[in-house]
Amino acid sequence: MTSQDTVTPHDGTLRVLSTSDLAGIDISLADVVDTMEGAYRTLHAGQSDNPRKLTVKPRDGHSVSYAMLGRDGTRNVVAIKTSYKHGLGKGRDEQHYYTALTIYDDVTGLPVAMMDCSRIGSLRTPAVSALLARECAAPGARSALVIGTGTQGRLALPFLLTTLPDLDSLMVFGTHSEGIAAVRQQLRTHLPDRDVEVATDLRAAASDADVILATAGAHTPAAVESAWLKPGALSILVGHGLAPSTLHQADRVIATSEAQMNLTGTDMADSEGKLPAVDTELPPVIAGLTAGRHSAKERIFAYNSGLVVTDIALGHRFAQLALAQGLGTEVPLWQ
């Protein structure tokens, strides 16, 4: 879809799409994966711009803020995403997290919408992990382990099964009973005939898994070591749950963006504070110019960090669907 398909508000107003506006919009997992794949292809073709994100963090580390600017050349839109998290040293229930995306039509010069970006992020990130798994998992991969049961962990398995439908052993490791229940509920919502095994022995589960997806929060006790992994295992890091050895001892390292990995992956640095160079990034893999995997025995580490062009692509899709349904509130911000 192009920007011309979007219903833009009148000049001087801004369409605001709230959490509740976006919550009821129906979009399939396959549609989200296709949108992500298209965003990476456009970026690799040089038609989109994805500058490095800006970060600010106070000295005591109680909060972190990001600002990301990008342009999608297929949709002809420009967007700014902001992200703010407060209470990093506190429990999950005491933290505050706000993220918003503002999109402008670069053909008409008018704003498209400003929206809560939380649902976009909750779909975008596991969809990208699913693309990494499709491109980098060993041939015949059958087992997957998800570490963490928060926002990213809950949709991880439905998305993995979208790109790797032959997975037949599904495991989850988590420390919150309500999160584990939510993981199971989400899986059954999308795939009613599938269930997930709750792993209590992390080392044994990691040793059995062909694909490990680490989505846990910073306070997780999970830290899978490289020595636990079977030959050919793929480890994908989104949040926490993997020890640095899985990166530094990997046979191959892939990142959605090496620059983003160097910015946000410092907790995986070695004793000298260094991260290894990546062997390739995801965009050229998606474009078919480089291989995700060279051999069935390679242990691969993949780093999934958010790129604003993927937020823009999915946010624009949501904006189109929302505006077509008359959702949102027009605010006369510039009148």
C-alpha atoms as a PDB file:
ATOM      1  CA  MET A   1       0.000   0.000   0.000  1.00  0.00           C
ATOM      2  CA  THR A   2       1.181   3.502  -0.751  1.00  0.00           C
ATOM      3  CA  SER A   3       0.694   6.715   1.136  1.00  0.00           C
ATOM      4  CA  GLN A   4      -1.962   7.724  -1.391  1.00  0.00           C
ATOM      5  CA  ASP A   5      -4.183   4.951   0.009  1.00  0.00           C
ATOM      6  CA  THR A   6      -4.209   6.680   3.394  1.00  0.00           C
ATOM      7  CA  VAL A   7      -7.006   8.996   4.460  1.00  0.00           C
ATOM      8  CA  THR A   8      -5.117  12.029   5.768  1.00  0.00           C
ATOM      9  CA  PRO A   9      -6.704  14.565   8.108  1.00  0.00           C
ATOM     10  CA  HIS A  10      -7.193  18.192   7.247  1.00  0.00           C
ATOM     11  CA  ASP A  11      -4.170  20.472   7.361  1.00  0.00           C
ATOM     12  CA  GLY A  12      -3.638  21.708  10.902  1.00  0.00           C
ATOM     13  CA  THR A  13      -5.136  18.676  12.628  1.00  0.00           C
ATOM     14  CA  LEU A  14      -3.607  15.472  13.902  1.00  0.00           C
ATOM     15  CA  ARG A  15      -5.411  12.125  14.079  1.00  0.00           C
ATOM     16  CA  VAL A  16      -4.613  10.506  17.448  1.00  0.00           C
ATOM     17  CA  LEU A  17      -5.025   6.724  17.694  1.00  0.00           C
ATOM     18  CA  SER A  18      -5.161   5.461  21.261  1.00  0.00           C
ATOM     19  CA  THR A  19      -4.391   2.047  22.690  1.00  0.00           C
ATOM     20  CA  SER A  20      -8.085   1.143  22.582  1.00  0.00           C
ATOM     21  CA  ASP A  21      -8.442   2.396  18.991  1.00  0.00           C
ATOM     22  CA  LEU A  22      -5.713   0.010  17.843  1.00  0.00           C
ATOM     23  CA  ALA A  23      -6.620  -2.914  20.098  1.00  0.00           C
ATOM     24  CA  GLY A  24      -9.613  -4.070  18.089  1.00  0.00           C
ATOM     25  CA  ILE A  25      -8.016  -3.902  14.648  1.00  0.00           C
ATOM     26  CA  ASP A  26      -7.753  -7.388  13.158  1.00  0.00           C
ATOM     27  CA  ILE A  27      -4.480  -8.236  11.420  1.00  0.00           C
ATOM     28  CA  SER A  28      -3.109 -11.714  10.770  1.00  0.00           C
ATOM     29  CA  LEU A  29       0.316 -12.892  11.913  1.00  0.00           C
ATOM     30  CA  ALA A  30       1.251 -13.691   8.311  1.00  0.00           C
ATOM     31  CA  ASP A  31       0.295 -10.149   7.293  1.00  0.00           C
ATOM     32  CA  VAL A  32       2.591  -8.725   9.987  1.00  0.00           C
ATOM     33  CA  VAL A  33       5.475 -10.980   8.875  1.00  0.00           C
ATOM     34  CA  ASP A  34       4.976  -9.936   5.251  1.00  0.00           C
ATOM     35  CA  THR A  35       4.962  -6.272   6.276  1.00  0.00           C
ATOM     36  CA  MET A  36       8.241  -6.726   8.163  1.00  0.00           C
ATOM     37  CA  GLU A  37       9.838  -8.564   5.257  1.00  0.00           C
ATOM     38  CA  GLY A  38       8.819  -5.805   2.883  1.00  0.00           C
ATOM     39  CA  ALA A  39      10.295  -3.153   5.175  1.00  0.00           C
ATOM     40  CA  TYR A  40      13.665  -4.947   5.202  1.00  0.00           C
ATOM     41  CA  ARG A  41      13.651  -5.368   1.426  1.00  0.00           C
ATOM     42  CA  THR A  42      12.916  -1.663   0.957  1.00  0.00           C
ATOM     43  CA  LEU A  43      15.688  -0.725   3.384  1.00  0.00           C
ATOM     44  CA  HIS A  44      18.226  -2.954   1.643  1.00  0.00           C
ATOM     45  CA  ALA A  45      17.230  -1.498  -1.731  1.00  0.00           C
ATOM     46  CA  GLY A  46      18.226   1.934  -0.439  1.00  0.00           C
ATOM     47  CA  GLN A  47      14.694   3.281  -0.656  1.00  0.00           C
ATOM     48  CA  SER A  48      14.310   3.867   3.100  1.00  0.00           C
ATOM     49  CA  ASP A  49      16.324   5.733   5.712  1.00  0.00           C
ATOM     50  CA  ASN A  50      16.967   4.352   9.197  1.00  0.00           C
ATOM     51  CA  PRO A  51      19.425   6.569  11.124  1.00  0.00           C
ATOM     52  CA  ARG A  52      20.924   5.413  14.377  1.00  0.00           C
ATOM     53  CA  LYS A  53      18.652   5.937  17.383  1.00  0.00           C
ATOM     54  CA  LEU A  54      19.335   8.615  19.983  1.00  0.00           C
ATOM     55  CA  THR A  55      19.476   7.570  23.629  1.00  0.00           C
ATOM     56  CA  VAL A  56      19.473   9.438  26.932  1.00  0.00           C
ATOM     57  CA  LYS A  57      19.804   7.829  30.348  1.00  0.00           C
ATOM     58  CA  PRO A  58      20.357   9.443  33.778  1.00  0.00           C
ATOM     59  CA  ARG A  59      23.472   8.524  35.739  1.00  0.00           C
ATOM     60  CA  ASP A  60      21.559   6.436  38.257  1.00  0.00           C
ATOM     61  CA  GLY A  61      19.948   4.442  35.450  1.00  0.00           C
ATOM     62  CA  HIS A  62      16.356   4.786  36.690  1.00  0.00           C
ATOM     63  CA  SER A  63      15.028   5.503  33.190  1.00  0.00           C
ATOM     64  CA  VAL A  64      15.965   5.305  29.524  1.00  0.00           C
ATOM     65  CA  SER A  65      14.628   7.208  26.515  1.00  0.00           C
ATOM     66  CA  TYR A  66      14.990   6.684  22.777  1.00  0.00           C
ATOM     67  CA  ALA A  67      14.149   8.778  19.729  1.00  0.00           C
ATOM     68  CA  MET A  68      14.103   7.277  16.243  1.00  0.00           C
ATOM     69  CA  LEU A  69      13.531   9.029  12.919  1.00  0.00           C
ATOM     70  CA  GLY A  70      12.987   7.223   9.635  1.00  0.00           C
ATOM     71  CA  ARG A  71      11.563   7.365   6.141  1.00  0.00           C
ATOM     72  CA  ASP A  72       9.802   4.603   4.187  1.00  0.00           C
ATOM     73  CA  GLY A  73      10.381   5.066   0.482  1.00  0.00           C
ATOM     74  CA  THR A  74       7.708   2.574  -0.590  1.00  0.00           C
ATOM     75  CA  ARG A  75       4.948   4.158   1.449  1.00  0.00           C
ATOM     76  CA  ASN A  76       6.350   7.690   1.045  1.00  0.00           C
ATOM     77  CA  VAL A  77       6.001   8.478   4.726  1.00  0.00           C
ATOM     78  CA  VAL A  78       8.271   9.979   7.355  1.00  0.00           C
ATOM     79  CA  ALA A  79       7.872   9.068  11.016  1.00  0.00           C
ATOM     80  CA  ILE A  80       9.290   9.708  14.455  1.00  0.00           C
ATOM     81  CA  LYS A  81       9.101   7.163  17.258  1.00  0.00           C
ATOM     82  CA  THR A  82       9.740   8.005  20.888  1.00  0.00           C
ATOM     83  CA  SER A  83      10.188   5.522  23.698  1.00  0.00           C
ATOM     84  CA  TYR A  84      10.447   6.189  27.437  1.00  0.00           C
ATOM     85  CA  LYS A  85      10.807   3.632  30.238  1.00  0.00           C
ATOM     86  CA  HIS A  86      10.912   4.589  33.915  1.00  0.00           C
ATOM     87  CA  GLY A  87      11.698   2.468  36.973  1.00  0.00           C
ATOM     88  CA  LEU A  88      14.316   0.178  35.451  1.00  0.00           C
ATOM     89  CA  GLY A  89      15.477  -0.995  38.856  1.00  0.00           C
ATOM     90  CA  LYS A  90      11.974  -1.901  40.000  1.00  0.00           C
ATOM     91  CA  GLY A  91       9.685  -4.851  39.415  1.00  0.00           C
ATOM     92  CA  ARG A  92       7.628  -5.149  36.246  1.00  0.00           C
ATOM     93  CA  ASP A  93       4.445  -3.871  37.905  1.00  0.00           C
ATOM     94  CA  GLU A  94       6.181  -0.708  39.130  1.00  0.00           C
ATOM     95  CA  GLN A  95       7.690   0.285  35.801  1.00  0.00           C
ATOM     96  CA  HIS A  96       6.199   2.841  33.411  1.00  0.00           C
ATOM     97  CA  TYR A  97       6.626   2.537  29.649  1.00  0.00           C
ATOM     98  CA  TYR A  98       5.311   4.892  26.972  1.00  0.00           C
ATOM     99  CA  THR A  99       6.004   4.761  23.256  1.00  0.00           C
ATOM    100  CA  ALA A 100       4.432   6.743  20.409  1.00  0.00           C
ATOM    101  CA  LEU A 101       4.748   6.956  16.640  1.00  0.00           C
ATOM    102  CA  THR A 102       3.923  10.050  14.586  1.00  0.00           C
ATOM    103  CA  ILE A 103       3.602   9.551  10.815  1.00  0.00           C
ATOM    104  CA  TYR A 104       3.620  12.213   8.077  1.00  0.00           C
ATOM    105  CA  ASP A 105       2.645  11.728   4.430  1.00  0.00           C
ATOM    106  CA  ASP A 106       5.644  12.805   2.351  1.00  0.00           C
ATOM    107  CA  VAL A 107       3.498  13.248  -0.777  1.00  0.00           C
ATOM    108  CA  THR A 108       0.800  15.563   0.568  1.00  0.00           C
ATOM    109  CA  GLY A 109       2.927  17.027   3.349  1.00  0.00           C
ATOM    110  CA  LEU A 110       0.153  16.339   5.867  1.00  0.00           C
ATOM    111  CA  PRO A 111       0.251  14.342   9.102  1.00  0.00           C
ATOM    112  CA  VAL A 112      -1.246  10.853   8.922  1.00  0.00           C
ATOM    113  CA  ALA A 113      -1.569   9.987  12.609  1.00  0.00           C
ATOM    114  CA  MET A 114       0.029   9.856  16.020  1.00  0.00           C
ATOM    115  CA  MET A 115      -0.476   6.538  17.766  1.00  0.00           C
ATOM    116  CA  ASP A 116       0.393   4.478  20.779  1.00  0.00           C
ATOM    117  CA  CYS A 117       3.184   2.204  19.533  1.00  0.00           C
ATOM    118  CA  SER A 118       2.914  -0.550  22.133  1.00  0.00           C
ATOM    119  CA  ARG A 119       0.843  -2.968  20.039  1.00  0.00           C
ATOM    120  CA  ILE A 120       3.014  -2.283  17.013  1.00  0.00           C
ATOM    121  CA  GLY A 121       6.105  -3.210  19.022  1.00  0.00           C
ATOM    122  CA  SER A 122       4.455  -6.285  20.507  1.00  0.00           C
ATOM    123  CA  LEU A 123       3.808  -7.578  16.976  1.00  0.00           C
ATOM    124  CA  ARG A 124       6.834  -6.239  15.119  1.00  0.00           C
ATOM    125  CA  THR A 125       9.532  -7.751  17.323  1.00  0.00           C
ATOM    126  CA  PRO A 126       8.337 -11.392  17.390  1.00  0.00           C
ATOM    127  CA  ALA A 127       7.610 -11.156  13.655  1.00  0.00           C
ATOM    128  CA  VAL A 128      11.232 -10.158  13.027  1.00  0.00           C
ATOM    129  CA  SER A 129      12.416 -12.995  15.290  1.00  0.00           C
ATOM    130  CA  ALA A 130      10.308 -15.326  13.161  1.00  0.00           C
ATOM    131  CA  LEU A 131      12.032 -14.029  10.026  1.00  0.00           C
ATOM    132  CA  LEU A 132      15.436 -14.589  11.654  1.00  0.00           C
ATOM    133  CA  ALA A 133      14.350 -18.124  12.522  1.00  0.00           C
ATOM    134  CA  ARG A 134      13.137 -18.788   8.985  1.00  0.00           C
ATOM    135  CA  GLU A 135      16.448 -17.648   7.507  1.00  0.00           C
ATOM    136  CA  CYS A 136      18.858 -19.012  10.124  1.00  0.00           C
ATOM    137  CA  ALA A 137      17.397 -22.142  11.741  1.00  0.00           C
ATOM    138  CA  ALA A 138      19.038 -25.425  10.847  1.00  0.00           C
ATOM    139  CA  PRO A 139      17.314 -27.516   8.160  1.00  0.00           C
ATOM    140  CA  GLY A 140      14.658 -29.703   9.740  1.00  0.00           C
ATOM    141  CA  ALA A 141      14.490 -27.690  12.981  1.00  0.00           C
ATOM    142  CA  ARG A 142      11.726 -29.176  15.152  1.00  0.00           C
ATOM    143  CA  SER A 143      12.084 -27.731  18.674  1.00  0.00           C
ATOM    144  CA  ALA A 144      11.874 -24.195  20.060  1.00  0.00           C
ATOM    145  CA  LEU A 145      12.429 -22.713  23.511  1.00  0.00           C
ATOM    146  CA  VAL A 146      11.144 -19.278  24.498  1.00  0.00           C
ATOM    147  CA  ILE A 147      12.747 -17.665  27.555  1.00  0.00           C
ATOM    148  CA  GLY A 148      10.543 -15.025  29.164  1.00  0.00           C
ATOM    149  CA  THR A 149       6.789 -14.568  29.382  1.00  0.00           C
ATOM    150  CA  GLY A 150       6.366 -10.812  29.062  1.00  0.00           C
ATOM    151  CA  THR A 151       4.998  -8.900  26.092  1.00  0.00           C
ATOM    152  CA  GLN A 152       7.525 -10.333  23.619  1.00  0.00           C
ATOM    153  CA  GLY A 153       7.413 -13.876  24.948  1.00  0.00           C
ATOM    154  CA  ARG A 154       3.649 -14.215  24.663  1.00  0.00           C
ATOM    155  CA  LEU A 155       3.466 -13.983  20.873  1.00  0.00           C
ATOM    156  CA  ALA A 156       6.845 -15.559  20.167  1.00  0.00           C
ATOM    157  CA  LEU A 157       5.596 -19.089  19.501  1.00  0.00           C
ATOM    158  CA  PRO A 158       2.611 -18.157  17.278  1.00  0.00           C
ATOM    159  CA  PHE A 159       4.946 -16.085  15.097  1.00  0.00           C
ATOM    160  CA  LEU A 160       7.644 -18.798  15.033  1.00  0.00           C
ATOM    161  CA  LEU A 161       5.047 -21.292  13.849  1.00  0.00           C
ATOM    162  CA  THR A 162       4.022 -18.858  11.110  1.00  0.00           C
ATOM    163  CA  THR A 163       7.464 -19.116   9.497  1.00  0.00           C
ATOM    164  CA  LEU A 164       8.495 -22.558  10.806  1.00  0.00           C
ATOM    165  CA  PRO A 165       5.241 -24.557  10.811  1.00  0.00           C
ATOM    166  CA  ASP A 166       7.060 -27.899  11.249  1.00  0.00           C
ATOM    167  CA  LEU A 167       8.150 -27.109  14.806  1.00  0.00           C
ATOM    168  CA  ASP A 168       6.601 -29.838  16.928  1.00  0.00           C
ATOM    169  CA  SER A 169       8.274 -29.403  20.335  1.00  0.00           C
ATOM    170  CA  LEU A 170       7.460 -26.073  22.001  1.00  0.00           C
ATOM    171  CA  MET A 171       8.913 -25.054  25.355  1.00  0.00           C
ATOM    172  CA  VAL A 172       8.753 -21.971  27.547  1.00  0.00           C
ATOM    173  CA  PHE A 173      10.865 -20.995  30.554  1.00  0.00           C
ATOM    174  CA  GLY A 174       9.523 -18.290  32.839  1.00  0.00           C
ATOM    175  CA  THR A 175       9.374 -17.211  36.471  1.00  0.00           C
ATOM    176  CA  HIS A 176       5.867 -15.703  36.515  1.00  0.00           C
ATOM    177  CA  SER A 177       2.917 -18.107  36.591  1.00  0.00           C
ATOM    178  CA  GLU A 178       0.558 -15.548  35.080  1.00  0.00           C
ATOM    179  CA  GLY A 179       3.008 -14.979  32.231  1.00  0.00           C
ATOM    180  CA  ILE A 180       3.266 -18.695  31.532  1.00  0.00           C
ATOM    181  CA  ALA A 181      -0.525 -18.895  31.459  1.00  0.00           C
ATOM    182  CA  ALA A 182      -0.601 -15.967  29.016  1.00  0.00           C
ATOM    183  CA  VAL A 183       1.935 -17.671  26.722  1.00  0.00           C
ATOM    184  CA  ARG A 184      -0.246 -20.791  26.654  1.00  0.00           C
ATOM    185  CA  GLN A 185      -3.398 -18.750  26.075  1.00  0.00           C
ATOM    186  CA  GLN A 186      -1.916 -16.814  23.158  1.00  0.00           C
ATOM    187  CA  LEU A 187      -0.697 -20.010  21.522  1.00  0.00           C
ATOM    188  CA  ARG A 188      -4.131 -21.620  21.791  1.00  0.00           C
ATOM    189  CA  THR A 189      -5.818 -18.460  20.511  1.00  0.00           C
ATOM    190  CA  HIS A 190      -3.840 -18.622  17.281  1.00  0.00           C
ATOM    191  CA  LEU A 191      -3.310 -22.401  17.104  1.00  0.00           C
ATOM    192  CA  PRO A 192      -5.962 -24.176  19.184  1.00  0.00           C
ATOM    193  CA  ASP A 193      -4.471 -27.623  18.605  1.00  0.00           C
ATOM    194  CA  ARG A 194      -1.016 -26.740  19.922  1.00  0.00           C
ATOM    195  CA  ASP A 195       0.322 -26.586  23.469  1.00  0.00           C
ATOM    196  CA  VAL A 196       3.599 -25.625  25.107  1.00  0.00           C
ATOM    197  CA  GLU A 197       5.672 -27.499  27.669  1.00  0.00           C
ATOM    198  CA  VAL A 198       6.817 -25.518  30.714  1.00  0.00           C
ATOM    199  CA  ALA A 199      10.558 -26.056  31.112  1.00  0.00           C
ATOM    200  CA  THR A 200      11.810 -26.292  34.690  1.00  0.00           C
ATOM    201  CA  ASP A 201      15.378 -27.351  33.830  1.00  0.00           C
ATOM    202  CA  LEU A 202      16.701 -24.524  31.657  1.00  0.00           C
ATOM    203  CA  ARG A 203      19.948 -26.291  30.735  1.00  0.00           C
ATOM    204  CA  ALA A 204      18.146 -29.451  29.606  1.00  0.00           C
ATOM    205  CA  ALA A 205      15.593 -27.445  27.616  1.00  0.00           C
ATOM    206  CA  ALA A 206      18.284 -25.336  25.944  1.00  0.00           C
ATOM    207  CA  SER A 207      20.266 -28.458  25.077  1.00  0.00           C
ATOM    208  CA  ASP A 208      17.222 -29.901  23.286  1.00  0.00           C
ATOM    209  CA  ALA A 209      16.193 -26.761  21.398  1.00  0.00           C
ATOM    210  CA  ASP A 210      16.945 -26.077  17.747  1.00  0.00           C
ATOM    211  CA  VAL A 211      15.763 -22.476  18.187  1.00  0.00           C
ATOM    212  CA  ILE A 212      16.099 -20.468  21.401  1.00  0.00           C
ATOM    213  CA  LEU A 213      14.382 -17.105  21.637  1.00  0.00           C
ATOM    214  CA  ALA A 214      15.398 -15.039  24.673  1.00  0.00           C
ATOM    215  CA  THR A 215      12.836 -12.351  25.468  1.00  0.00           C
ATOM    216  CA  ALA A 216      13.098 -12.099  29.271  1.00  0.00           C
ATOM    217  CA  GLY A 217      13.454  -8.929  31.312  1.00  0.00           C
ATOM    218  CA  ALA A 218      16.682  -7.656  32.819  1.00  0.00           C
ATOM    219  CA  HIS A 219      16.117  -9.365  36.173  1.00  0.00           C
ATOM    220  CA  THR A 220      15.710 -12.879  34.796  1.00  0.00           C
ATOM    221  CA  PRO A 221      17.815 -15.631  36.414  1.00  0.00           C
ATOM    222  CA  ALA A 222      18.097 -17.302  32.993  1.00  0.00           C
ATOM    223  CA  ALA A 223      21.496 -17.216  31.291  1.00  0.00           C
ATOM    224  CA  VAL A 224      21.927 -19.935  28.681  1.00  0.00           C
ATOM    225  CA  GLU A 225      25.609 -20.715  28.066  1.00  0.00           C
ATOM    226  CA  SER A 226      27.166 -21.600  24.719  1.00  0.00           C
ATOM    227  CA  ALA A 227      28.328 -24.984  26.051  1.00  0.00           C
ATOM    228  CA  TRP A 228      24.708 -26.016  26.566  1.00  0.00           C
ATOM    229  CA  LEU A 229      23.755 -25.602  22.905  1.00  0.00           C
ATOM    230  CA  LYS A 230      23.491 -28.462  20.437  1.00  0.00           C
ATOM    231  CA  PRO A 231      25.307 -28.271  17.081  1.00  0.00           C
ATOM    232  CA  GLY A 232      23.235 -26.195  14.668  1.00  0.00           C
ATOM    233  CA  ALA A 233      21.345 -24.350  17.374  1.00  0.00           C
ATOM    234  CA  LEU A 234      20.061 -20.842  16.650  1.00  0.00           C
ATOM    235  CA  SER A 235      19.945 -18.383  19.562  1.00  0.00           C
ATOM    236  CA  ILE A 236      17.955 -15.188  19.041  1.00  0.00           C
ATOM    237  CA  LEU A 237      18.325 -12.389  21.582  1.00  0.00           C
ATOM    238  CA  VAL A 238      15.530  -9.856  21.992  1.00  0.00           C
ATOM    239  CA  GLY A 239      15.810  -9.015  25.691  1.00  0.00           C
ATOM    240  CA  HIS A 240      17.697 -11.162  28.176  1.00  0.00           C
ATOM    241  CA  GLY A 241      18.206 -14.858  28.876  1.00  0.00           C
ATOM    242  CA  LEU A 242      21.415 -15.653  26.981  1.00  0.00           C
ATOM    243  CA  ALA A 243      24.902 -15.500  28.466  1.00  0.00           C
ATOM    244  CA  PRO A 244      27.563 -13.545  26.513  1.00  0.00           C
ATOM    245  CA  SER A 245      29.244 -16.837  25.586  1.00  0.00           C
ATOM    246  CA  THR A 246      26.412 -17.579  23.130  1.00  0.00           C
ATOM    247  CA  LEU A 247      27.521 -14.521  21.173  1.00  0.00           C
ATOM    248  CA  HIS A 248      31.289 -14.710  21.539  1.00  0.00           C
ATOM    249  CA  GLN A 249      31.540 -18.445  20.851  1.00  0.00           C
ATOM    250  CA  ALA A 250      29.021 -18.525  18.015  1.00  0.00           C
ATOM    251  CA  ASP A 251      30.118 -19.806  14.616  1.00  0.00           C
ATOM    252  CA  ARG A 252      28.129 -17.058  12.937  1.00  0.00           C
ATOM    253  CA  VAL A 253      26.661 -13.765  14.170  1.00  0.00           C
ATOM    254  CA  ILE A 254      23.729 -12.007  12.520  1.00  0.00           C
ATOM    255  CA  ALA A 255      22.034  -8.770  13.551  1.00  0.00           C
ATOM    256  CA  THR A 256      19.084  -6.800  12.308  1.00  0.00           C
ATOM    257  CA  SER A 257      21.526  -3.872  12.544  1.00  0.00           C
ATOM    258  CA  GLU A 258      25.146  -4.003  13.690  1.00  0.00           C
ATOM    259  CA  ALA A 259      25.027  -0.320  14.676  1.00  0.00           C
ATOM    260  CA  GLN A 260      21.988  -0.938  16.881  1.00  0.00           C
ATOM    261  CA  MET A 261      23.606  -4.011  18.407  1.00  0.00           C
ATOM    262  CA  ASN A 262      26.674  -1.979  19.335  1.00  0.00           C
ATOM    263  CA  LEU A 263      24.409   0.623  20.932  1.00  0.00           C
ATOM    264  CA  THR A 264      21.968  -1.548  22.868  1.00  0.00           C
ATOM    265  CA  GLY A 265      23.824  -4.859  23.273  1.00  0.00           C
ATOM    266  CA  THR A 266      26.566  -3.709  25.623  1.00  0.00           C
ATOM    267  CA  ASP A 267      25.454  -6.152  28.325  1.00  0.00           C
ATOM    268  CA  MET A 268      26.750  -8.904  26.024  1.00  0.00           C
ATOM    269  CA  ALA A 269      30.258  -7.410  25.804  1.00  0.00           C
ATOM    270  CA  ASP A 270      33.325  -9.421  26.823  1.00  0.00           C
ATOM    271  CA  SER A 271      35.643  -8.642  29.737  1.00  0.00           C
ATOM    272  CA  GLU A 272      37.266  -5.887  27.660  1.00  0.00           C
ATOM    273  CA  GLY A 273      33.903  -4.311  26.867  1.00  0.00           C
ATOM    274  CA  LYS A 274      33.932  -5.436  23.233  1.00  0.00           C
ATOM    275  CA  LEU A 275      31.368  -7.051  20.979  1.00  0.00           C
ATOM    276  CA  PRO A 276      32.377  -9.212  18.007  1.00  0.00           C
ATOM    277  CA  ALA A 277      31.746  -8.016  14.475  1.00  0.00           C
ATOM    278  CA  VAL A 278      28.645  -9.425  12.821  1.00  0.00           C
ATOM    279  CA  ASP A 279      28.993 -11.713   9.811  1.00  0.00           C
ATOM    280  CA  THR A 280      25.935 -10.254   8.100  1.00  0.00           C
ATOM    281  CA  GLU A 281      22.820  -8.224   8.761  1.00  0.00           C
ATOM    282  CA  LEU A 282      19.251  -9.331   8.169  1.00  0.00           C
ATOM    283  CA  PRO A 283      18.336  -6.998   5.258  1.00  0.00           C
ATOM    284  CA  PRO A 284      20.806  -8.556   2.764  1.00  0.00           C
ATOM    285  CA  VAL A 285      19.769 -12.012   3.982  1.00  0.00           C
ATOM    286  CA  ILE A 286      16.115 -11.187   3.293  1.00  0.00           C
ATOM    287  CA  ALA A 287      17.145  -9.828  -0.114  1.00  0.00           C
ATOM    288  CA  GLY A 288      18.901 -13.125  -0.913  1.00  0.00           C
ATOM    289  CA  LEU A 289      22.367 -11.591  -1.258  1.00  0.00           C
ATOM    290  CA  THR A 290      23.925 -13.268   1.779  1.00  0.00           C
ATOM    291  CA  ALA A 291      23.120 -16.543   3.506  1.00  0.00           C
ATOM    292  CA  GLY A 292      21.622 -16.762   6.934  1.00  0.00           C
ATOM    293  CA  ARG A 293      23.311 -20.115   7.507  1.00  0.00           C
ATOM    294  CA  HIS A 294      26.249 -21.840   5.794  1.00  0.00           C
ATOM    295  CA  SER A 295      26.058 -25.292   7.360  1.00  0.00           C
ATOM    296  CA  ALA A 296      23.688 -27.435   9.403  1.00  0.00           C
ATOM    297  CA  LYS A 297      26.183 -27.619  12.288  1.00  0.00           C
ATOM    298  CA  GLU A 298      26.799 -23.888  12.768  1.00  0.00           C
ATOM    299  CA  ARG A 299      25.775 -22.429  16.104  1.00  0.00           C
ATOM    300  CA  ILE A 300      24.291 -19.074  15.160  1.00  0.00           C
ATOM    301  CA  PHE A 301      23.658 -16.050  17.355  1.00  0.00           C
ATOM    302  CA  ALA A 302      21.112 -13.519  16.069  1.00  0.00           C
ATOM    303  CA  TYR A 303      20.503 -10.097  17.617  1.00  0.00           C
ATOM    304  CA  ASN A 304      17.042  -8.631  17.111  1.00  0.00           C
ATOM    305  CA  SER A 305      16.999  -4.899  17.784  1.00  0.00           C
ATOM    306  CA  GLY A 306      14.177  -2.681  16.629  1.00  0.00           C
ATOM    307  CA  LEU A 307      14.568  -0.656  13.442  1.00  0.00           C
ATOM    308  CA  VAL A 308      12.251   2.297  13.095  1.00  0.00           C
ATOM    309  CA  VAL A 309      11.520   1.423   9.452  1.00  0.00           C
ATOM    310  CA  THR A 310       9.698  -1.684  10.688  1.00  0.00           C
ATOM    311  CA  ASP A 311       7.677   0.411  13.143  1.00  0.00           C
ATOM    312  CA  ILE A 312       6.833   2.793  10.310  1.00  0.00           C
ATOM    313  CA  ALA A 313       5.706   0.029   7.965  1.00  0.00           C
ATOM    314  CA  LEU A 314       3.458  -1.643  10.529  1.00  0.00           C
ATOM    315  CA  GLY A 315       2.303   1.659  12.038  1.00  0.00           C
ATOM    316  CA  HIS A 316       1.303   2.916   8.599  1.00  0.00           C
ATOM    317  CA  ARG A 317      -0.631  -0.288   7.987  1.00  0.00           C
ATOM    318  CA  PHE A 318      -2.474   0.139  11.279  1.00  0.00           C
ATOM    319  CA  ALA A 319      -3.153   3.795  10.486  1.00  0.00           C
ATOM    320  CA  GLN A 320      -4.706   2.866   7.159  1.00  0.00           C
ATOM    321  CA  LEU A 321      -6.962   0.262   8.788  1.00  0.00           C
ATOM    322  CA  ALA A 322      -7.908   2.582  11.654  1.00  0.00           C
ATOM    323  CA  LEU A 323      -8.664   5.594   9.479  1.00  0.00           C
ATOM    324  CA  ALA A 324     -10.722   3.482   7.078  1.00  0.00           C
ATOM    325  CA  GLN A 325     -12.865   2.495  10.081  1.00  0.00           C
ATOM    326  CA  GLY A 326     -13.145   6.065  11.318  1.00  0.00           C
ATOM    327  CA  LEU A 327     -11.179   5.376  14.471  1.00  0.00           C
ATOM    328  CA  GLY A 328      -9.242   7.992  16.384  1.00  0.00           C
ATOM    329  CA  THR A 329      -9.691  11.585  17.430  1.00  0.00           C
ATOM    330  CA  GLU A 330      -8.782  14.630  15.343  1.00  0.00           C
ATOM    331  CA  VAL A 331      -6.893  17.164  17.433  1.00  0.00           C
ATOM    332  CA  PRO A 332      -6.494  20.732  16.063  1.00  0.00           C
ATOM    333  CA  LEU A 333      -2.873  20.784  17.144  1.00  0.00           C
ATOM    334  CA  TRP A 334      -1.663  23.300  14.570  1.00  0.00           C
ATOM    335  CA  GLN A 335      -4.741  25.513  14.380  1.00  0.00           C
END
